[in-house]
Amino acid sequence: MKILVTGYNGQLGYDVVREGVKRNLDIIGVTRNDFDITDGAAVEHYIKQENPEVIIHCAAYTAVDKAEDEQETCWEVNVEGTKNVARAAKVIGAKFVYISTDYVFDGEGETPFGESDPVNPIGYYGETKYNGERIVQELLDNYFIVRISWVFGINGNNFIKTMLRLAEDRDELNVVSDQFGSPTYTFDLAKLLLDMVGTDKYGIYHASNEGFCNWAQFAEEIFDQANKNVKVNAITTEEFPTKAKRPKNSRMSKDKLQKSGFARLPNWKTALSHYLNELEMEGN
């Protein structure tokens, strides 16, 4: 089975390819140096030439705040780019994995969102990711839409790396405590995605690590596990204004994973421990 992974230079794409190599799969990671996903002709030419049986589409515009100002670019990448890659998948009959986000929901309430709950994005980034979902569903039959949240991996910037960097010269930090969700470790997610594409259990899934926390609790656990003496002051979303509105409830139900016979990801604290070890081994 030949697998093509877009966004290879990102956190998830990198780990999907790395896991595929470990499994001795025929897997290729591509970046914008290989083709521009917003160029439909270039996308189709490259994908027809490679002719993969599976496309895992990790490439995306993910700068949530910048998206409010760069709406055209965000739309081009997340909507038109997804349309181009999905169309190419249709031409060659490839299975398709689209990586989506908790930002498709409005974050109201405290109950975990299910896969079939109504979407209602409150920011432009979420709007484009939802439109990507819609296009995949309209164009294809053999698709997996996988919604994730609070992503961290070895290859790129993320909340954990930011907290560790700030801990170098600060002994106190203000962190938002009224936004709840689940971190997602790309090392764990990569295994699940490759397990998924070996099946025909298509549909929408939620796939973050197990357990819920808020950002302040996440920061506290990072400092605790990394043996950093930093005091975390819990603050409200209103006390930390951002350009884009964030959902306060990003809890997602992962029951469908289990019902479909897929293993749920490890608890987020376990994932964090593994990640900190990985950072240490990489010398970061």
C-alpha atoms as a PDB file:
ATOM      1  CA  MET A   1       0.000   0.000   0.000  1.00  0.00           C
ATOM      2  CA  LYS A   2       1.482   3.317  -1.101  1.00  0.00           C
ATOM      3  CA  ILE A   3       0.706   6.318   1.116  1.00  0.00           C
ATOM      4  CA  LEU A   4       1.232  10.004   0.316  1.00  0.00           C
ATOM      5  CA  VAL A   5       1.320  12.480   3.220  1.00  0.00           C
ATOM      6  CA  THR A   6       0.936  16.218   2.616  1.00  0.00           C
ATOM      7  CA  GLY A   7       2.394  18.718   5.082  1.00  0.00           C
ATOM      8  CA  TYR A   8       5.414  16.544   5.820  1.00  0.00           C
ATOM      9  CA  ASN A   9       7.229  19.535   7.343  1.00  0.00           C
ATOM     10  CA  GLY A  10       4.538  19.956  10.016  1.00  0.00           C
ATOM     11  CA  GLN A  11       4.185  18.242  13.392  1.00  0.00           C
ATOM     12  CA  LEU A  12       1.693  15.585  12.299  1.00  0.00           C
ATOM     13  CA  GLY A  13       2.900  14.945   8.755  1.00  0.00           C
ATOM     14  CA  TYR A  14       6.424  14.368  10.054  1.00  0.00           C
ATOM     15  CA  ASP A  15       5.289  11.787  12.609  1.00  0.00           C
ATOM     16  CA  VAL A  16       2.969   9.988  10.177  1.00  0.00           C
ATOM     17  CA  VAL A  17       5.851   9.481   7.748  1.00  0.00           C
ATOM     18  CA  ARG A  18       8.212   8.491  10.568  1.00  0.00           C
ATOM     19  CA  GLU A  19       5.721   5.877  11.820  1.00  0.00           C
ATOM     20  CA  GLY A  20       5.150   4.632   8.275  1.00  0.00           C
ATOM     21  CA  VAL A  21       8.888   4.122   7.771  1.00  0.00           C
ATOM     22  CA  LYS A  22       9.027   2.210  11.080  1.00  0.00           C
ATOM     23  CA  ARG A  23       6.302  -0.074   9.742  1.00  0.00           C
ATOM     24  CA  ASN A  24       8.176  -0.556   6.439  1.00  0.00           C
ATOM     25  CA  LEU A  25       5.306   0.991   4.503  1.00  0.00           C
ATOM     26  CA  ASP A  26       5.711   2.566   1.082  1.00  0.00           C
ATOM     27  CA  ILE A  27       5.188   6.122   2.360  1.00  0.00           C
ATOM     28  CA  ILE A  28       6.157   9.494   0.930  1.00  0.00           C
ATOM     29  CA  GLY A  29       5.993  12.877   2.655  1.00  0.00           C
ATOM     30  CA  VAL A  30       5.536  15.974   0.493  1.00  0.00           C
ATOM     31  CA  THR A  31       5.816  19.711   1.166  1.00  0.00           C
ATOM     32  CA  ARG A  32       5.120  22.868  -0.843  1.00  0.00           C
ATOM     33  CA  ASN A  33       8.535  22.292  -2.474  1.00  0.00           C
ATOM     34  CA  ASP A  34       6.995  19.282  -4.217  1.00  0.00           C
ATOM     35  CA  PHE A  35       3.761  21.019  -5.239  1.00  0.00           C
ATOM     36  CA  ASP A  36       1.566  23.920  -4.188  1.00  0.00           C
ATOM     37  CA  ILE A  37      -1.767  22.525  -2.972  1.00  0.00           C
ATOM     38  CA  THR A  38      -3.529  25.709  -4.147  1.00  0.00           C
ATOM     39  CA  ASP A  39      -2.502  24.899  -7.749  1.00  0.00           C
ATOM     40  CA  GLY A  40      -5.036  22.314  -8.937  1.00  0.00           C
ATOM     41  CA  ALA A  41      -3.122  21.284 -12.072  1.00  0.00           C
ATOM     42  CA  ALA A  42       0.136  20.808 -10.152  1.00  0.00           C
ATOM     43  CA  VAL A  43      -1.635  18.770  -7.464  1.00  0.00           C
ATOM     44  CA  GLU A  44      -3.296  16.455  -9.971  1.00  0.00           C
ATOM     45  CA  HIS A  45      -0.102  16.005 -12.007  1.00  0.00           C
ATOM     46  CA  TYR A  46       2.014  15.066  -8.976  1.00  0.00           C
ATOM     47  CA  ILE A  47      -0.574  12.777  -7.383  1.00  0.00           C
ATOM     48  CA  LYS A  48      -1.393  10.967 -10.639  1.00  0.00           C
ATOM     49  CA  GLN A  49       2.319  10.436 -11.170  1.00  0.00           C
ATOM     50  CA  GLU A  50       2.854   8.991  -7.669  1.00  0.00           C
ATOM     51  CA  ASN A  51      -0.481   7.125  -7.761  1.00  0.00           C
ATOM     52  CA  PRO A  52      -0.808   6.395  -3.992  1.00  0.00           C
ATOM     53  CA  GLU A  53      -3.576   4.168  -2.646  1.00  0.00           C
ATOM     54  CA  VAL A  54      -3.950   6.483   0.377  1.00  0.00           C
ATOM     55  CA  ILE A  55      -3.580  10.255   0.814  1.00  0.00           C
ATOM     56  CA  ILE A  56      -3.254  11.619   4.362  1.00  0.00           C
ATOM     57  CA  HIS A  57      -3.842  15.350   4.045  1.00  0.00           C
ATOM     58  CA  CYS A  58      -2.012  17.059   6.925  1.00  0.00           C
ATOM     59  CA  ALA A  59      -1.100  20.290   5.103  1.00  0.00           C
ATOM     60  CA  ALA A  60      -3.090  23.252   6.429  1.00  0.00           C
ATOM     61  CA  TYR A  61      -3.031  26.905   7.366  1.00  0.00           C
ATOM     62  CA  THR A  62      -3.102  26.720  11.177  1.00  0.00           C
ATOM     63  CA  ALA A  63      -2.194  30.233  12.379  1.00  0.00           C
ATOM     64  CA  VAL A  64      -5.517  30.797  14.160  1.00  0.00           C
ATOM     65  CA  ASP A  65      -5.065  34.486  14.968  1.00  0.00           C
ATOM     66  CA  LYS A  66      -3.391  35.436  11.681  1.00  0.00           C
ATOM     67  CA  ALA A  67      -6.260  33.748   9.845  1.00  0.00           C
ATOM     68  CA  GLU A  68      -8.563  36.589  10.914  1.00  0.00           C
ATOM     69  CA  ASP A  69      -6.377  39.019   8.930  1.00  0.00           C
ATOM     70  CA  GLU A  70      -5.198  36.661   6.182  1.00  0.00           C
ATOM     71  CA  GLN A  71      -8.594  35.235   5.295  1.00  0.00           C
ATOM     72  CA  GLU A  72      -7.891  34.866   1.590  1.00  0.00           C
ATOM     73  CA  THR A  73      -4.696  32.870   2.176  1.00  0.00           C
ATOM     74  CA  CYS A  74      -6.338  30.730   4.849  1.00  0.00           C
ATOM     75  CA  TRP A  75      -9.266  29.934   2.506  1.00  0.00           C
ATOM     76  CA  GLU A  76      -6.951  29.162  -0.402  1.00  0.00           C
ATOM     77  CA  VAL A  77      -4.979  26.608   1.623  1.00  0.00           C
ATOM     78  CA  ASN A  78      -7.657  25.036   3.821  1.00  0.00           C
ATOM     79  CA  VAL A  79     -10.567  25.012   1.388  1.00  0.00           C
ATOM     80  CA  GLU A  80      -9.307  25.291  -2.193  1.00  0.00           C
ATOM     81  CA  GLY A  81      -6.168  23.284  -1.335  1.00  0.00           C
ATOM     82  CA  THR A  82      -8.233  20.526   0.242  1.00  0.00           C
ATOM     83  CA  LYS A  83     -10.569  20.527  -2.767  1.00  0.00           C
ATOM     84  CA  ASN A  84      -7.595  20.091  -5.124  1.00  0.00           C
ATOM     85  CA  VAL A  85      -6.086  17.198  -3.156  1.00  0.00           C
ATOM     86  CA  ALA A  86      -9.496  15.515  -2.679  1.00  0.00           C
ATOM     87  CA  ARG A  87     -10.261  15.812  -6.408  1.00  0.00           C
ATOM     88  CA  ALA A  88      -6.916  14.204  -7.239  1.00  0.00           C
ATOM     89  CA  ALA A  89      -7.709  11.408  -4.770  1.00  0.00           C
ATOM     90  CA  LYS A  90     -11.018  10.864  -6.554  1.00  0.00           C
ATOM     91  CA  VAL A  91      -9.301  10.676  -9.962  1.00  0.00           C
ATOM     92  CA  ILE A  92      -6.979   7.869  -8.836  1.00  0.00           C
ATOM     93  CA  GLY A  93      -9.460   6.211  -6.436  1.00  0.00           C
ATOM     94  CA  ALA A  94      -7.322   6.743  -3.323  1.00  0.00           C
ATOM     95  CA  LYS A  95      -8.554   6.592   0.262  1.00  0.00           C
ATOM     96  CA  PHE A  96      -8.445  10.058   1.814  1.00  0.00           C
ATOM     97  CA  VAL A  97      -7.730  11.263   5.357  1.00  0.00           C
ATOM     98  CA  TYR A  98      -8.607  14.869   6.182  1.00  0.00           C
ATOM     99  CA  ILE A  99      -7.267  16.307   9.429  1.00  0.00           C
ATOM    100  CA  SER A 100      -9.808  18.626  11.029  1.00  0.00           C
ATOM    101  CA  THR A 101     -10.125  20.394  14.352  1.00  0.00           C
ATOM    102  CA  ASP A 102     -12.085  21.086  17.535  1.00  0.00           C
ATOM    103  CA  TYR A 103     -12.484  24.649  16.153  1.00  0.00           C
ATOM    104  CA  VAL A 104     -15.408  23.481  13.989  1.00  0.00           C
ATOM    105  CA  PHE A 105     -17.489  23.613  17.203  1.00  0.00           C
ATOM    106  CA  ASP A 106     -18.618  26.747  19.040  1.00  0.00           C
ATOM    107  CA  GLY A 107     -17.301  25.590  22.411  1.00  0.00           C
ATOM    108  CA  GLU A 108     -20.586  26.094  24.248  1.00  0.00           C
ATOM    109  CA  GLY A 109     -21.535  23.953  27.262  1.00  0.00           C
ATOM    110  CA  GLU A 110     -19.418  21.404  29.095  1.00  0.00           C
ATOM    111  CA  THR A 111     -20.465  18.136  27.437  1.00  0.00           C
ATOM    112  CA  PRO A 112     -17.957  16.502  25.060  1.00  0.00           C
ATOM    113  CA  PHE A 113     -18.952  16.997  21.420  1.00  0.00           C
ATOM    114  CA  GLY A 114     -19.850  13.905  19.412  1.00  0.00           C
ATOM    115  CA  GLU A 115     -18.948  13.375  15.757  1.00  0.00           C
ATOM    116  CA  SER A 116     -22.500  14.062  14.579  1.00  0.00           C
ATOM    117  CA  ASP A 117     -23.122  17.138  16.756  1.00  0.00           C
ATOM    118  CA  PRO A 118     -23.874  20.341  14.819  1.00  0.00           C
ATOM    119  CA  VAL A 119     -20.803  22.372  13.894  1.00  0.00           C
ATOM    120  CA  ASN A 120     -20.735  26.121  14.444  1.00  0.00           C
ATOM    121  CA  PRO A 121     -17.259  27.650  14.059  1.00  0.00           C
ATOM    122  CA  ILE A 122     -16.680  30.935  15.903  1.00  0.00           C
ATOM    123  CA  GLY A 123     -13.484  31.951  14.067  1.00  0.00           C
ATOM    124  CA  TYR A 124     -12.292  32.077  10.468  1.00  0.00           C
ATOM    125  CA  TYR A 125      -9.798  29.223  10.829  1.00  0.00           C
ATOM    126  CA  GLY A 126     -12.581  26.930  12.095  1.00  0.00           C
ATOM    127  CA  GLU A 127     -14.818  28.115   9.268  1.00  0.00           C
ATOM    128  CA  THR A 128     -12.256  27.069   6.651  1.00  0.00           C
ATOM    129  CA  LYS A 129     -11.617  23.694   8.296  1.00  0.00           C
ATOM    130  CA  TYR A 130     -15.359  22.993   8.372  1.00  0.00           C
ATOM    131  CA  ASN A 131     -15.637  23.911   4.693  1.00  0.00           C
ATOM    132  CA  GLY A 132     -12.783  21.488   4.028  1.00  0.00           C
ATOM    133  CA  GLU A 133     -14.783  18.765   5.782  1.00  0.00           C
ATOM    134  CA  ARG A 134     -17.825  19.577   3.673  1.00  0.00           C
ATOM    135  CA  ILE A 135     -15.876  19.377   0.415  1.00  0.00           C
ATOM    136  CA  VAL A 136     -14.365  16.000   1.343  1.00  0.00           C
ATOM    137  CA  GLN A 137     -17.845  14.632   2.120  1.00  0.00           C
ATOM    138  CA  GLU A 138     -19.264  15.977  -1.140  1.00  0.00           C
ATOM    139  CA  LEU A 139     -16.454  14.722  -3.382  1.00  0.00           C
ATOM    140  CA  LEU A 140     -15.522  11.373  -1.859  1.00  0.00           C
ATOM    141  CA  ASP A 141     -16.942   8.168  -0.425  1.00  0.00           C
ATOM    142  CA  ASN A 142     -13.758   6.599   0.945  1.00  0.00           C
ATOM    143  CA  TYR A 143     -12.739   9.228   3.472  1.00  0.00           C
ATOM    144  CA  PHE A 144     -11.756   9.586   7.111  1.00  0.00           C
ATOM    145  CA  ILE A 145     -12.275  13.002   8.706  1.00  0.00           C
ATOM    146  CA  VAL A 146     -10.253  13.096  11.930  1.00  0.00           C
ATOM    147  CA  ARG A 147     -10.786  16.006  14.328  1.00  0.00           C
ATOM    148  CA  ILE A 148      -7.932  16.756  16.709  1.00  0.00           C
ATOM    149  CA  SER A 149      -7.051  19.463  19.255  1.00  0.00           C
ATOM    150  CA  TRP A 150      -4.127  21.082  21.105  1.00  0.00           C
ATOM    151  CA  VAL A 151      -1.498  19.409  18.924  1.00  0.00           C
ATOM    152  CA  PHE A 152       2.110  18.768  19.945  1.00  0.00           C
ATOM    153  CA  GLY A 153       4.921  16.901  18.206  1.00  0.00           C
ATOM    154  CA  ILE A 154       8.671  16.894  17.851  1.00  0.00           C
ATOM    155  CA  ASN A 155       8.788  18.738  14.514  1.00  0.00           C
ATOM    156  CA  GLY A 156       7.458  22.248  15.081  1.00  0.00           C
ATOM    157  CA  ASN A 157       6.299  24.776  17.615  1.00  0.00           C
ATOM    158  CA  ASN A 158       3.623  24.048  20.192  1.00  0.00           C
ATOM    159  CA  PHE A 159       2.364  24.973  23.658  1.00  0.00           C
ATOM    160  CA  ILE A 160       4.782  22.658  25.485  1.00  0.00           C
ATOM    161  CA  LYS A 161       7.857  24.084  23.776  1.00  0.00           C
ATOM    162  CA  THR A 162       6.579  27.612  24.475  1.00  0.00           C
ATOM    163  CA  MET A 163       6.065  26.855  28.178  1.00  0.00           C
ATOM    164  CA  LEU A 164       9.532  25.296  28.505  1.00  0.00           C
ATOM    165  CA  ARG A 165      11.099  28.270  26.738  1.00  0.00           C
ATOM    166  CA  LEU A 166       9.311  30.766  28.999  1.00  0.00           C
ATOM    167  CA  ALA A 167      10.360  28.746  32.066  1.00  0.00           C
ATOM    168  CA  GLU A 168      13.990  29.535  31.257  1.00  0.00           C
ATOM    169  CA  ASP A 169      13.671  33.102  32.508  1.00  0.00           C
ATOM    170  CA  ARG A 170      10.339  33.289  34.351  1.00  0.00           C
ATOM    171  CA  ASP A 171       9.201  31.866  37.653  1.00  0.00           C
ATOM    172  CA  GLU A 172       5.554  32.849  37.211  1.00  0.00           C
ATOM    173  CA  LEU A 173       3.173  32.695  34.251  1.00  0.00           C
ATOM    174  CA  ASN A 174      -0.458  33.609  33.586  1.00  0.00           C
ATOM    175  CA  VAL A 175      -2.303  30.839  31.718  1.00  0.00           C
ATOM    176  CA  VAL A 176      -5.957  30.624  30.680  1.00  0.00           C
ATOM    177  CA  SER A 177      -8.004  28.248  32.835  1.00  0.00           C
ATOM    178  CA  ASP A 178     -11.520  28.404  31.334  1.00  0.00           C
ATOM    179  CA  GLN A 179     -10.812  26.669  28.008  1.00  0.00           C
ATOM    180  CA  PHE A 180     -11.050  22.872  28.326  1.00  0.00           C
ATOM    181  CA  GLY A 181      -9.962  20.162  25.916  1.00  0.00           C
ATOM    182  CA  SER A 182      -7.481  17.372  25.266  1.00  0.00           C
ATOM    183  CA  PRO A 183      -3.895  17.612  24.047  1.00  0.00           C
ATOM    184  CA  THR A 184      -3.023  15.488  20.991  1.00  0.00           C
ATOM    185  CA  TYR A 185       0.439  13.944  20.662  1.00  0.00           C
ATOM    186  CA  THR A 186       1.257  13.441  16.986  1.00  0.00           C
ATOM    187  CA  PHE A 187       3.398  10.368  17.793  1.00  0.00           C
ATOM    188  CA  ASP A 188       0.272   8.622  19.136  1.00  0.00           C
ATOM    189  CA  LEU A 189      -2.065   9.985  16.467  1.00  0.00           C
ATOM    190  CA  ALA A 190       0.218   8.836  13.635  1.00  0.00           C
ATOM    191  CA  LYS A 191      -0.176   5.208  14.733  1.00  0.00           C
ATOM    192  CA  LEU A 192      -3.963   5.531  14.771  1.00  0.00           C
ATOM    193  CA  LEU A 193      -4.115   7.137  11.314  1.00  0.00           C
ATOM    194  CA  LEU A 194      -2.022   4.359   9.787  1.00  0.00           C
ATOM    195  CA  ASP A 195      -4.190   1.752  11.508  1.00  0.00           C
ATOM    196  CA  MET A 196      -7.296   3.488  10.122  1.00  0.00           C
ATOM    197  CA  VAL A 197      -6.194   3.533   6.491  1.00  0.00           C
ATOM    198  CA  GLY A 198      -5.735  -0.221   6.586  1.00  0.00           C
ATOM    199  CA  THR A 199      -9.524  -0.503   7.022  1.00  0.00           C
ATOM    200  CA  ASP A 200     -12.679   0.656   5.271  1.00  0.00           C
ATOM    201  CA  LYS A 201     -14.298   2.018   8.454  1.00  0.00           C
ATOM    202  CA  TYR A 202     -14.846   5.415   6.870  1.00  0.00           C
ATOM    203  CA  GLY A 203     -16.440   8.469   8.471  1.00  0.00           C
ATOM    204  CA  ILE A 204     -15.808  11.237  10.976  1.00  0.00           C
ATOM    205  CA  TYR A 205     -13.740  10.523  14.098  1.00  0.00           C
ATOM    206  CA  HIS A 206     -12.475  12.445  17.111  1.00  0.00           C
ATOM    207  CA  ALA A 207      -8.925  11.480  18.052  1.00  0.00           C
ATOM    208  CA  SER A 208      -7.143  13.384  20.802  1.00  0.00           C
ATOM    209  CA  ASN A 209      -5.364  11.864  23.788  1.00  0.00           C
ATOM    210  CA  GLU A 210      -7.540  10.644  26.663  1.00  0.00           C
ATOM    211  CA  GLY A 211      -8.554  12.865  29.560  1.00  0.00           C
ATOM    212  CA  PHE A 212      -9.494  16.549  29.724  1.00  0.00           C
ATOM    213  CA  CYS A 213      -7.738  19.588  31.180  1.00  0.00           C
ATOM    214  CA  ASN A 214      -7.590  23.347  30.817  1.00  0.00           C
ATOM    215  CA  TRP A 215      -4.522  25.217  29.566  1.00  0.00           C
ATOM    216  CA  ALA A 216      -3.404  26.194  33.080  1.00  0.00           C
ATOM    217  CA  GLN A 217      -3.598  22.552  34.222  1.00  0.00           C
ATOM    218  CA  PHE A 218      -1.671  21.524  31.115  1.00  0.00           C
ATOM    219  CA  ALA A 219       1.037  24.086  31.926  1.00  0.00           C
ATOM    220  CA  GLU A 220       1.231  22.924  35.554  1.00  0.00           C
ATOM    221  CA  GLU A 221       1.698  19.319  34.452  1.00  0.00           C
ATOM    222  CA  ILE A 222       4.407  20.351  31.973  1.00  0.00           C
ATOM    223  CA  PHE A 223       6.369  22.163  34.695  1.00  0.00           C
ATOM    224  CA  ASP A 224       5.802  19.344  37.174  1.00  0.00           C
ATOM    225  CA  GLN A 225       7.058  16.631  34.808  1.00  0.00           C
ATOM    226  CA  ALA A 226       9.937  18.791  33.547  1.00  0.00           C
ATOM    227  CA  ASN A 227      10.969  19.701  37.128  1.00  0.00           C
ATOM    228  CA  LYS A 228      10.582  23.434  36.488  1.00  0.00           C
ATOM    229  CA  ASN A 229       9.752  25.636  39.456  1.00  0.00           C
ATOM    230  CA  VAL A 230       7.199  27.932  37.793  1.00  0.00           C
ATOM    231  CA  LYS A 231       4.025  29.210  39.413  1.00  0.00           C
ATOM    232  CA  VAL A 232       0.981  29.131  37.129  1.00  0.00           C
ATOM    233  CA  ASN A 233      -1.619  31.842  37.711  1.00  0.00           C
ATOM    234  CA  ALA A 234      -4.997  30.767  36.352  1.00  0.00           C
ATOM    235  CA  ILE A 235      -6.679  33.572  34.379  1.00  0.00           C
ATOM    236  CA  THR A 236      -9.838  33.901  32.263  1.00  0.00           C
ATOM    237  CA  THR A 237     -10.071  34.077  28.483  1.00  0.00           C
ATOM    238  CA  GLU A 238     -11.199  37.697  28.865  1.00  0.00           C
ATOM    239  CA  GLU A 239      -7.967  38.496  30.714  1.00  0.00           C
ATOM    240  CA  PHE A 240      -5.914  37.140  27.797  1.00  0.00           C
ATOM    241  CA  PRO A 241      -7.496  38.659  24.661  1.00  0.00           C
ATOM    242  CA  THR A 242      -6.579  37.159  21.283  1.00  0.00           C
ATOM    243  CA  LYS A 243      -7.445  38.176  17.722  1.00  0.00           C
ATOM    244  CA  ALA A 244      -9.460  35.002  17.140  1.00  0.00           C
ATOM    245  CA  LYS A 245     -12.122  33.782  19.526  1.00  0.00           C
ATOM    246  CA  ARG A 246     -11.301  30.414  21.109  1.00  0.00           C
ATOM    247  CA  PRO A 247     -13.887  27.741  21.980  1.00  0.00           C
ATOM    248  CA  LYS A 248     -14.110  27.335  25.767  1.00  0.00           C
ATOM    249  CA  ASN A 249     -15.284  23.755  25.474  1.00  0.00           C
ATOM    250  CA  SER A 250     -13.072  21.707  23.155  1.00  0.00           C
ATOM    251  CA  ARG A 251     -13.904  18.398  24.844  1.00  0.00           C
ATOM    252  CA  MET A 252     -14.592  15.759  22.200  1.00  0.00           C
ATOM    253  CA  SER A 253     -16.079  12.312  22.675  1.00  0.00           C
ATOM    254  CA  LYS A 254     -13.898   9.504  21.338  1.00  0.00           C
ATOM    255  CA  ASP A 255     -16.498   6.724  21.774  1.00  0.00           C
ATOM    256  CA  LYS A 256     -16.751   6.151  18.019  1.00  0.00           C
ATOM    257  CA  LEU A 257     -13.077   5.138  17.851  1.00  0.00           C
ATOM    258  CA  GLN A 258     -13.736   2.322  20.285  1.00  0.00           C
ATOM    259  CA  LYS A 259     -17.007   1.281  18.632  1.00  0.00           C
ATOM    260  CA  SER A 260     -15.154   1.007  15.317  1.00  0.00           C
ATOM    261  CA  GLY A 261     -12.461  -1.208  16.851  1.00  0.00           C
ATOM    262  CA  PHE A 262      -9.670   1.374  17.013  1.00  0.00           C
ATOM    263  CA  ALA A 263      -7.514   1.812  20.112  1.00  0.00           C
ATOM    264  CA  ARG A 264      -8.063   5.097  21.946  1.00  0.00           C
ATOM    265  CA  LEU A 265      -4.929   7.187  22.431  1.00  0.00           C
ATOM    266  CA  PRO A 266      -3.067   7.087  25.772  1.00  0.00           C
ATOM    267  CA  ASN A 267      -3.872   9.572  28.547  1.00  0.00           C
ATOM    268  CA  TRP A 268      -2.484  13.036  27.818  1.00  0.00           C
ATOM    269  CA  LYS A 269      -0.233  12.952  30.912  1.00  0.00           C
ATOM    270  CA  THR A 270       1.392   9.739  29.659  1.00  0.00           C
ATOM    271  CA  ALA A 271       1.770  11.317  26.219  1.00  0.00           C
ATOM    272  CA  LEU A 272       3.400  14.384  27.780  1.00  0.00           C
ATOM    273  CA  SER A 273       5.893  12.197  29.643  1.00  0.00           C
ATOM    274  CA  HIS A 274       6.818  10.393  26.414  1.00  0.00           C
ATOM    275  CA  TYR A 275       7.142  13.704  24.576  1.00  0.00           C
ATOM    276  CA  LEU A 276       9.438  15.255  27.194  1.00  0.00           C
ATOM    277  CA  ASN A 277      11.662  12.170  26.922  1.00  0.00           C
ATOM    278  CA  GLU A 278      11.625  12.541  23.143  1.00  0.00           C
ATOM    279  CA  LEU A 279      12.634  16.212  23.430  1.00  0.00           C
ATOM    280  CA  GLU A 280      15.495  15.250  25.735  1.00  0.00           C
ATOM    281  CA  MET A 281      16.737  12.567  23.356  1.00  0.00           C
ATOM    282  CA  GLU A 282      16.594  15.014  20.442  1.00  0.00           C
ATOM    283  CA  GLY A 283      18.588  17.502  22.520  1.00  0.00           C
ATOM    284  CA  ASN A 284      15.836  20.136  22.486  1.00  0.00           C
END
